[in-house]
Amino acid sequence: MGIPGTLPTRISASTPARFAIALLATLLAILMARTTNALAEGPAPYLWAIGAVAFSAWFSGTGPAVASLILALVATDSWFIPRAHSLRIPGALDWASLVAFLFVAVVIIAIGQANIDERERLRNAAGELEEKVRKRTGELDHANHSLRQLTARLLNLQDEERRRIARELHDNAGQALSALAMNLGAVAEDLGHLMKTAGVVADSAGMVRQMSDDIRTMSYLLHPPLLDEMGLAPALKWYVEGFAERSKIAVDLECSKNLGRLPREVETAIFRIVQEGLINIHRHSASLTAAIQITWSGSQIRLEIRDNGKGISPEMRHQMESGGTVGVGVRGMRERVSQLGGSLEINSAGPGTGTCIVVRLPAAEMGQAQEAAKAAR
């Protein structure tokens, strides 16, 4: 049920009410002229009538203003012109007053009508503008929704492609290189009497083993099999140990004991965010330590990545807070978190204070998702 409008609004919406207000205002003006001394003759009654007509034109509109004018003429003739001369205006002053009254009244009514037309035009224009804004807003919301769906699809395709490439490298190239290393080892044994040749073959076998290790490492970095086979915690432990060995950055990893298995997209998103966060620490922070903490409360999963490096400059912080251009890695993290309905914060008090990345993902339905993930695996 709608809220009733104000009294002026209800009056302006009713034609009888507008005519009643105009006639009442005219009668009141005539009575005021009647009760005022020294106004029985001359142009003074017309001044009161002009006020009533102006009020009627402003408040009630053209029709009630015309009715007010007619009533003013009839009342003036009846009350202010002597009965001996009723309907026969004898003096030049009376004629001038009447003509001036009619002229001013017509001008006021015309101005009032023009004002009403202008207000109506403005209301129509405002309504059209509001409709256009509403339509454009709907189109923009639809475009944003489509963009988010496209981004999610691209991220999923990227993860699937990484998984496929990792599997191909591990199953095909890795096995072929292993067989080649075995063959070269056999050749080295057969050519043991040729020391120089054996040394070259041994060096080649070492290079093949190194290439095999590099391909295996690359395959694991693209998509670690542990993430699918064992879950998030073992995969993160493996990655953190390898990262610490390669970068010489001491990384402290702490996972909640009740973390368990999560849906594939959640495990993939957390793993990629940790991966990107550690890469940014290695590239930009100059920190010698890093800490990763994953906790699971009853309502959310919380991921925190902290370092003790250079921190974020005020210019970069202002750019990030104002929605300016940031790195591809940060945009990727934000998109992954957004697709899962979570939030991402990047905090830094200033240069030299380190940086802290905090990710919160809703976990209200993670328990059911865990059971579904176990059944799928």
Protein backbone atom coordinates (compact mmCIF):
# COMPACT_ATOMS: atom_id res chain seq x y z
CA MET A 1 0.00 0.00 0.00
CA GLY A 2 1.46 3.37 -1.04
CA ILE A 3 2.07 6.28 1.28
CA PRO A 4 -0.60 9.00 0.92
CA GLY A 5 0.58 12.18 -0.77
CA THR A 6 0.74 15.59 0.84
CA LEU A 7 -2.34 17.83 0.99
CA PRO A 8 -1.20 20.18 -1.85
CA THR A 9 -0.48 17.15 -4.02
CA ARG A 10 -3.92 15.65 -3.39
CA ILE A 11 -5.57 19.02 -4.08
CA SER A 12 -3.67 19.55 -7.34
CA ALA A 13 -4.75 16.08 -8.48
CA SER A 14 -8.47 16.89 -7.99
CA THR A 15 -10.18 19.27 -10.45
CA PRO A 16 -13.12 20.13 -8.14
CA ALA A 17 -10.72 20.86 -5.31
CA ARG A 18 -8.67 23.22 -7.50
CA PHE A 19 -11.77 25.13 -8.59
CA ALA A 20 -12.99 25.30 -4.99
CA ILE A 21 -9.65 26.68 -3.77
CA ALA A 22 -9.58 29.31 -6.54
CA LEU A 23 -13.14 30.48 -5.88
CA LEU A 24 -12.57 30.50 -2.13
CA ALA A 25 -9.45 32.61 -2.57
CA THR A 26 -11.36 35.05 -4.78
CA LEU A 27 -14.22 35.37 -2.29
CA LEU A 28 -11.72 35.95 0.51
CA ALA A 29 -10.01 38.70 -1.50
CA ILE A 30 -13.34 40.40 -2.24
CA LEU A 31 -14.34 40.21 1.43
CA MET A 32 -11.02 41.73 2.45
CA ALA A 33 -11.64 44.59 0.01
CA ARG A 34 -15.21 44.95 1.32
CA THR A 35 -14.17 45.20 4.94
CA THR A 36 -11.33 47.65 4.30
CA ASN A 37 -12.16 51.31 4.68
CA ALA A 38 -12.08 53.66 1.73
CA LEU A 39 -12.13 50.83 -0.80
CA ALA A 40 -15.74 51.06 -1.85
CA GLU A 41 -14.82 53.05 -4.97
CA GLY A 42 -11.82 53.29 -7.30
CA PRO A 43 -9.33 50.64 -8.42
CA ALA A 44 -8.54 49.18 -4.96
CA PRO A 45 -10.96 46.20 -5.24
CA TYR A 46 -9.31 45.20 -8.49
CA LEU A 47 -5.95 44.97 -6.70
CA TRP A 48 -7.36 42.41 -4.29
CA ALA A 49 -8.95 40.55 -7.20
CA ILE A 50 -5.63 40.53 -9.10
CA GLY A 51 -4.02 38.84 -6.11
CA ALA A 52 -6.74 36.18 -6.07
CA VAL A 53 -6.37 35.56 -9.82
CA ALA A 54 -2.57 35.31 -9.51
CA PHE A 55 -2.87 32.83 -6.65
CA SER A 56 -5.40 30.76 -8.60
CA ALA A 57 -3.22 30.71 -11.71
CA TRP A 58 -0.17 29.62 -9.69
CA PHE A 59 -1.81 27.06 -7.43
CA SER A 60 -4.83 25.75 -9.35
CA GLY A 61 -4.14 26.27 -13.04
CA THR A 62 -5.70 28.06 -15.99
CA GLY A 63 -9.32 26.87 -15.67
CA PRO A 64 -9.69 27.82 -12.00
CA ALA A 65 -7.91 31.14 -12.69
CA VAL A 66 -10.49 32.01 -15.39
CA ALA A 67 -13.28 31.09 -12.97
CA SER A 68 -11.63 33.33 -10.38
CA LEU A 69 -11.54 36.20 -12.90
CA ILE A 70 -15.25 35.81 -13.74
CA LEU A 71 -16.19 35.65 -10.05
CA ALA A 72 -14.10 38.76 -9.35
CA LEU A 73 -15.86 40.68 -12.14
CA VAL A 74 -19.32 39.65 -10.91
CA ALA A 75 -18.50 40.41 -7.27
CA THR A 76 -16.96 43.78 -8.12
CA ASP A 77 -20.02 44.74 -10.15
CA SER A 78 -22.33 43.63 -7.34
CA TRP A 79 -20.50 45.01 -4.32
CA PHE A 80 -18.36 47.94 -5.38
CA ILE A 81 -20.20 49.68 -8.25
CA PRO A 82 -23.26 51.69 -7.12
CA ARG A 83 -26.48 49.90 -8.02
CA ALA A 84 -27.71 52.89 -9.99
CA HIS A 85 -24.90 52.34 -12.41
CA SER A 86 -24.65 48.55 -12.21
CA LEU A 87 -23.38 47.10 -15.48
CA ARG A 88 -22.96 50.70 -16.71
CA ILE A 89 -19.51 51.96 -15.66
CA PRO A 90 -19.82 55.76 -15.76
CA GLY A 91 -16.39 57.18 -15.03
CA ALA A 92 -13.13 57.14 -16.98
CA LEU A 93 -11.31 55.96 -13.84
CA ASP A 94 -13.65 52.98 -13.53
CA TRP A 95 -13.10 52.09 -17.19
CA ALA A 96 -9.35 52.38 -16.85
CA SER A 97 -9.40 50.22 -13.70
CA LEU A 98 -11.51 47.56 -15.39
CA VAL A 99 -9.35 47.46 -18.54
CA ALA A 100 -6.16 47.37 -16.48
CA PHE A 101 -7.59 44.61 -14.31
CA LEU A 102 -8.59 42.50 -17.33
CA PHE A 103 -5.23 43.07 -19.03
CA VAL A 104 -3.18 42.19 -15.95
CA ALA A 105 -5.41 39.18 -15.20
CA VAL A 106 -5.04 37.82 -18.74
CA VAL A 107 -1.25 38.31 -18.61
CA ILE A 108 -1.07 36.54 -15.25
CA ILE A 109 -3.19 33.64 -16.52
CA ALA A 110 -1.03 33.36 -19.64
CA ILE A 111 2.15 33.37 -17.57
CA GLY A 112 0.66 30.77 -15.23
CA GLN A 113 -0.28 28.53 -18.15
CA ALA A 114 3.21 28.91 -19.62
CA ASN A 115 4.68 28.02 -16.26
CA ILE A 116 2.44 24.93 -16.03
CA ASP A 117 3.45 23.86 -19.55
CA GLU A 118 7.11 24.31 -18.69
CA ARG A 119 6.82 22.31 -15.47
CA GLU A 120 5.02 19.54 -17.34
CA ARG A 121 7.74 19.53 -20.00
CA LEU A 122 10.43 19.33 -17.32
CA ARG A 123 8.60 16.48 -15.57
CA ASN A 124 8.34 14.57 -18.83
CA ALA A 125 12.01 15.21 -19.61
CA ALA A 126 13.02 14.08 -16.12
CA GLY A 127 10.93 10.93 -16.51
CA GLU A 128 12.52 10.15 -19.88
CA LEU A 129 15.99 10.79 -18.48
CA GLU A 130 15.29 8.56 -15.48
CA GLU A 131 14.07 5.79 -17.79
CA LYS A 132 17.19 6.11 -19.94
CA VAL A 133 19.43 6.01 -16.86
CA ARG A 134 17.60 2.92 -15.59
CA LYS A 135 17.95 1.26 -18.98
CA ARG A 136 21.66 2.11 -19.25
CA THR A 137 22.22 0.88 -15.69
CA GLY A 138 20.59 -2.42 -16.55
CA GLU A 139 22.73 -2.74 -19.67
CA LEU A 140 25.87 -1.95 -17.67
CA ASP A 141 24.96 -4.54 -15.01
CA HIS A 142 24.38 -7.12 -17.73
CA ALA A 143 27.72 -6.26 -19.36
CA ASN A 144 29.54 -6.52 -16.02
CA HIS A 145 27.90 -9.88 -15.33
CA SER A 146 28.92 -11.16 -18.76
CA LEU A 147 32.47 -9.90 -18.21
CA ARG A 148 32.70 -11.70 -14.86
CA GLN A 149 31.43 -14.91 -16.46
CA LEU A 150 33.99 -14.55 -19.27
CA THR A 151 36.80 -13.95 -16.78
CA ALA A 152 35.81 -17.01 -14.77
CA ARG A 153 35.68 -19.09 -17.94
CA LEU A 154 39.15 -17.88 -19.00
CA LEU A 155 40.61 -18.71 -15.59
CA ASN A 156 39.09 -22.19 -15.68
CA LEU A 157 40.39 -22.77 -19.20
CA GLN A 158 43.83 -21.57 -18.11
CA ASP A 159 43.89 -24.04 -15.21
CA GLU A 160 42.69 -26.90 -17.42
CA GLU A 161 45.33 -26.09 -20.04
CA ARG A 162 48.05 -26.03 -17.38
CA ARG A 163 46.81 -29.38 -16.10
CA ARG A 164 46.89 -30.86 -19.61
CA ILE A 165 50.37 -29.51 -20.42
CA ALA A 166 51.70 -30.77 -17.08
CA ARG A 167 50.28 -34.23 -17.76
CA GLU A 168 51.71 -34.30 -21.30
CA LEU A 169 55.16 -33.23 -20.12
CA HIS A 170 55.16 -35.80 -17.35
CA ASP A 171 53.74 -38.70 -19.35
CA ASN A 172 55.44 -38.20 -22.73
CA ALA A 173 58.57 -36.05 -22.63
CA GLY A 174 59.58 -37.14 -19.13
CA GLN A 175 59.30 -40.84 -19.90
CA ALA A 176 61.09 -40.46 -23.23
CA LEU A 177 63.97 -38.65 -21.58
CA SER A 178 64.17 -41.31 -18.86
CA ALA A 179 64.45 -44.04 -21.51
CA LEU A 180 67.08 -42.04 -23.35
CA ALA A 181 69.08 -41.65 -20.14
CA MET A 182 68.95 -45.44 -19.62
CA ASN A 183 70.14 -46.07 -23.19
CA LEU A 184 73.00 -43.63 -22.80
CA GLY A 185 73.94 -45.30 -19.56
CA ALA A 186 74.12 -48.65 -21.34
CA VAL A 187 76.22 -47.15 -24.10
CA ALA A 188 78.56 -45.67 -21.51
CA GLU A 189 79.08 -49.14 -19.99
CA ASP A 190 79.77 -50.71 -23.41
CA LEU A 191 82.24 -47.95 -24.27
CA GLY A 192 84.04 -48.05 -20.95
CA HIS A 193 87.33 -48.81 -22.66
CA LEU A 194 87.08 -45.54 -24.52
CA MET A 195 87.49 -43.09 -21.64
CA LYS A 196 87.02 -39.97 -23.66
CA THR A 197 83.87 -41.23 -25.33
CA ALA A 198 82.57 -42.52 -22.02
CA GLY A 199 83.17 -39.10 -20.45
CA VAL A 200 81.23 -37.35 -23.21
CA VAL A 201 78.41 -39.88 -22.94
CA ALA A 202 78.36 -39.48 -19.16
CA ASP A 203 78.14 -35.69 -19.54
CA SER A 204 75.32 -36.12 -22.03
CA ALA A 205 73.51 -38.46 -19.66
CA GLY A 206 73.89 -35.89 -16.89
CA MET A 207 72.48 -33.19 -19.14
CA VAL A 208 69.54 -35.44 -20.01
CA ARG A 209 68.87 -36.11 -16.33
CA GLN A 210 69.03 -32.37 -15.65
CA MET A 211 66.60 -31.69 -18.50
CA SER A 212 64.31 -34.42 -17.18
CA ASP A 213 64.38 -32.84 -13.71
CA ASP A 214 63.72 -29.40 -15.16
CA ILE A 215 60.77 -30.67 -17.20
CA ARG A 216 59.40 -32.52 -14.18
CA THR A 217 59.78 -29.37 -12.08
CA MET A 218 58.11 -27.26 -14.78
CA SER A 219 55.29 -29.78 -15.03
CA TYR A 220 54.78 -29.72 -11.28
CA LEU A 221 54.84 -25.92 -11.20
CA LEU A 222 52.24 -25.71 -13.96
CA HIS A 223 49.94 -28.02 -12.05
CA PRO A 224 51.32 -30.18 -9.23
CA PRO A 225 49.83 -33.70 -9.23
CA LEU A 226 49.82 -33.56 -5.43
CA LEU A 227 47.06 -30.95 -5.64
CA ASP A 228 44.70 -33.46 -7.25
CA GLU A 229 45.97 -36.57 -5.48
CA MET A 230 46.67 -35.44 -1.90
CA GLY A 231 45.01 -32.06 -1.54
CA LEU A 232 45.97 -28.47 -0.80
CA ALA A 233 48.18 -28.83 2.28
CA PRO A 234 50.67 -31.39 0.83
CA ALA A 235 50.85 -29.50 -2.48
CA LEU A 236 51.59 -26.22 -0.69
CA LYS A 237 54.22 -27.89 1.48
CA TRP A 238 55.96 -29.28 -1.60
CA TYR A 239 55.82 -25.95 -3.42
CA VAL A 240 56.97 -23.89 -0.43
CA GLU A 241 59.96 -26.17 0.17
CA GLY A 242 61.02 -25.91 -3.46
CA PHE A 243 60.49 -22.15 -3.51
CA ALA A 244 62.55 -21.67 -0.35
CA GLU A 245 65.38 -23.74 -1.81
CA ARG A 246 65.40 -21.83 -5.09
CA SER A 247 64.88 -18.30 -3.74
CA LYS A 248 66.76 -18.57 -0.42
CA ILE A 249 63.72 -17.05 1.31
CA ALA A 250 62.71 -18.75 4.54
CA VAL A 251 58.99 -19.51 4.31
CA ASP A 252 56.89 -20.51 7.32
CA LEU A 253 53.77 -22.45 6.28
CA GLU A 254 50.97 -23.07 8.78
CA CYS A 255 47.78 -24.87 7.72
CA SER A 256 44.76 -25.52 9.89
CA LYS A 257 44.63 -29.18 10.99
CA ASN A 258 40.95 -29.48 10.06
CA LEU A 259 41.49 -28.12 6.55
CA GLY A 260 40.96 -31.44 4.74
CA ARG A 261 40.00 -31.67 1.09
CA LEU A 262 38.22 -28.77 -0.57
CA PRO A 263 36.46 -28.41 -3.94
CA ARG A 264 38.91 -28.43 -6.85
CA GLU A 265 38.31 -24.78 -7.80
CA VAL A 266 38.90 -23.65 -4.19
CA GLU A 267 42.15 -25.64 -3.84
CA THR A 268 43.35 -24.39 -7.22
CA ALA A 269 42.54 -20.76 -6.35
CA ILE A 270 44.33 -20.87 -2.97
CA PHE A 271 47.37 -22.61 -4.48
CA ARG A 272 47.62 -20.03 -7.30
CA ILE A 273 47.23 -17.11 -4.89
CA VAL A 274 50.03 -18.49 -2.66
CA GLN A 275 52.16 -19.09 -5.75
CA GLU A 276 51.63 -15.55 -7.04
CA GLY A 277 52.14 -14.03 -3.58
CA LEU A 278 55.51 -15.76 -3.07
CA ILE A 279 56.63 -14.81 -6.59
CA ASN A 280 55.81 -11.14 -5.83
CA ILE A 281 57.75 -11.36 -2.54
CA HIS A 282 60.78 -12.73 -4.40
CA ARG A 283 60.58 -10.13 -7.17
CA HIS A 284 59.63 -6.96 -5.34
CA SER A 285 59.89 -7.08 -1.56
CA ALA A 286 63.59 -7.96 -0.96
CA SER A 287 62.38 -9.81 2.14
CA LEU A 288 64.38 -12.75 3.52
CA THR A 289 61.38 -14.30 5.24
CA ALA A 290 57.73 -14.96 4.48
CA ALA A 291 54.86 -16.46 6.44
CA ILE A 292 51.75 -18.24 5.12
CA GLN A 293 48.82 -19.08 7.37
CA ILE A 294 45.62 -20.87 6.34
CA THR A 295 42.84 -21.16 8.91
CA TRP A 296 39.31 -22.49 8.64
CA SER A 297 36.66 -21.22 11.01
CA GLY A 298 33.01 -22.10 10.96
CA SER A 299 32.15 -19.33 8.51
CA GLN A 300 35.18 -18.73 6.32
CA ILE A 301 38.60 -19.83 5.10
CA ARG A 302 41.28 -17.22 5.78
CA LEU A 303 44.59 -17.08 3.91
CA GLU A 304 47.34 -14.70 5.03
CA ILE A 305 50.65 -14.12 3.19
CA ARG A 306 53.06 -11.81 5.03
CA ASP A 307 56.61 -10.59 4.41
CA ASN A 308 59.04 -8.17 6.08
CA GLY A 309 60.21 -6.43 2.92
CA LYS A 310 60.07 -2.98 1.42
CA GLY A 311 56.30 -2.65 1.57
CA ILE A 312 54.14 -0.69 -0.85
CA SER A 313 54.91 2.90 -1.80
CA PRO A 314 52.23 5.58 -1.20
CA GLU A 315 51.91 6.10 -4.96
CA MET A 316 51.28 2.42 -5.65
CA ARG A 317 48.90 2.15 -2.68
CA HIS A 318 46.89 5.15 -3.95
CA GLN A 319 46.78 3.59 -7.41
CA MET A 320 45.51 0.29 -6.03
CA GLU A 321 42.86 1.91 -3.80
CA SER A 322 41.60 4.12 -6.64
CA GLY A 323 41.15 1.13 -8.93
CA GLY A 324 44.06 2.04 -11.21
CA THR A 325 46.19 -0.32 -13.28
CA VAL A 326 47.95 -2.97 -11.21
CA GLY A 327 49.99 -6.01 -12.07
CA VAL A 328 48.54 -8.98 -13.92
CA GLY A 329 49.21 -11.19 -10.90
CA VAL A 330 47.20 -8.99 -8.54
CA ARG A 331 44.32 -8.81 -11.02
CA GLY A 332 44.38 -12.58 -11.35
CA MET A 333 44.22 -13.00 -7.57
CA ARG A 334 41.30 -10.57 -7.32
CA GLU A 335 39.38 -12.35 -10.08
CA ARG A 336 39.87 -15.79 -8.50
CA VAL A 337 38.69 -14.52 -5.12
CA SER A 338 35.74 -12.67 -6.68
CA GLN A 339 34.54 -15.78 -8.52
CA LEU A 340 34.43 -17.66 -5.20
CA GLY A 341 32.49 -14.85 -3.47
CA GLY A 342 35.38 -13.85 -1.21
CA SER A 343 37.42 -10.74 -0.49
CA LEU A 344 41.08 -9.79 -0.89
CA GLU A 345 42.99 -7.12 1.03
CA ILE A 346 46.55 -5.94 0.45
CA ASN A 347 47.82 -4.05 3.51
CA SER A 348 51.04 -2.11 3.96
CA ALA A 349 51.65 0.74 6.39
CA GLY A 350 54.32 2.21 4.15
CA PRO A 351 57.88 1.66 2.85
CA GLY A 352 59.92 -0.66 5.05
CA THR A 353 56.92 -2.14 6.91
CA GLY A 354 56.33 -5.23 4.80
CA THR A 355 53.16 -6.33 3.05
CA CYS A 356 50.28 -8.53 4.16
CA ILE A 357 47.80 -10.17 1.77
CA VAL A 358 44.59 -11.37 3.41
CA VAL A 359 42.07 -13.52 1.51
CA ARG A 360 38.72 -14.53 2.97
CA LEU A 361 36.54 -17.15 1.29
CA PRO A 362 33.03 -18.08 2.49
CA ALA A 363 32.98 -21.53 4.09
CA ALA A 364 29.35 -21.92 5.12
CA GLU A 365 28.88 -24.76 2.63
CA MET A 366 32.44 -26.09 2.55
CA GLY A 367 31.51 -29.14 4.61
CA GLN A 368 29.07 -30.35 1.97
CA ALA A 369 31.53 -29.39 -0.75
CA GLN A 370 34.22 -31.48 0.97
CA GLU A 371 32.02 -34.57 0.89
CA ALA A 372 31.21 -33.94 -2.79
CA ALA A 373 34.92 -33.48 -3.55
CA LYS A 374 35.80 -36.75 -1.81
CA ALA A 375 33.09 -38.58 -3.72
CA ALA A 376 34.29 -37.08 -7.03
CA ARG A 377 37.82 -38.26 -6.35
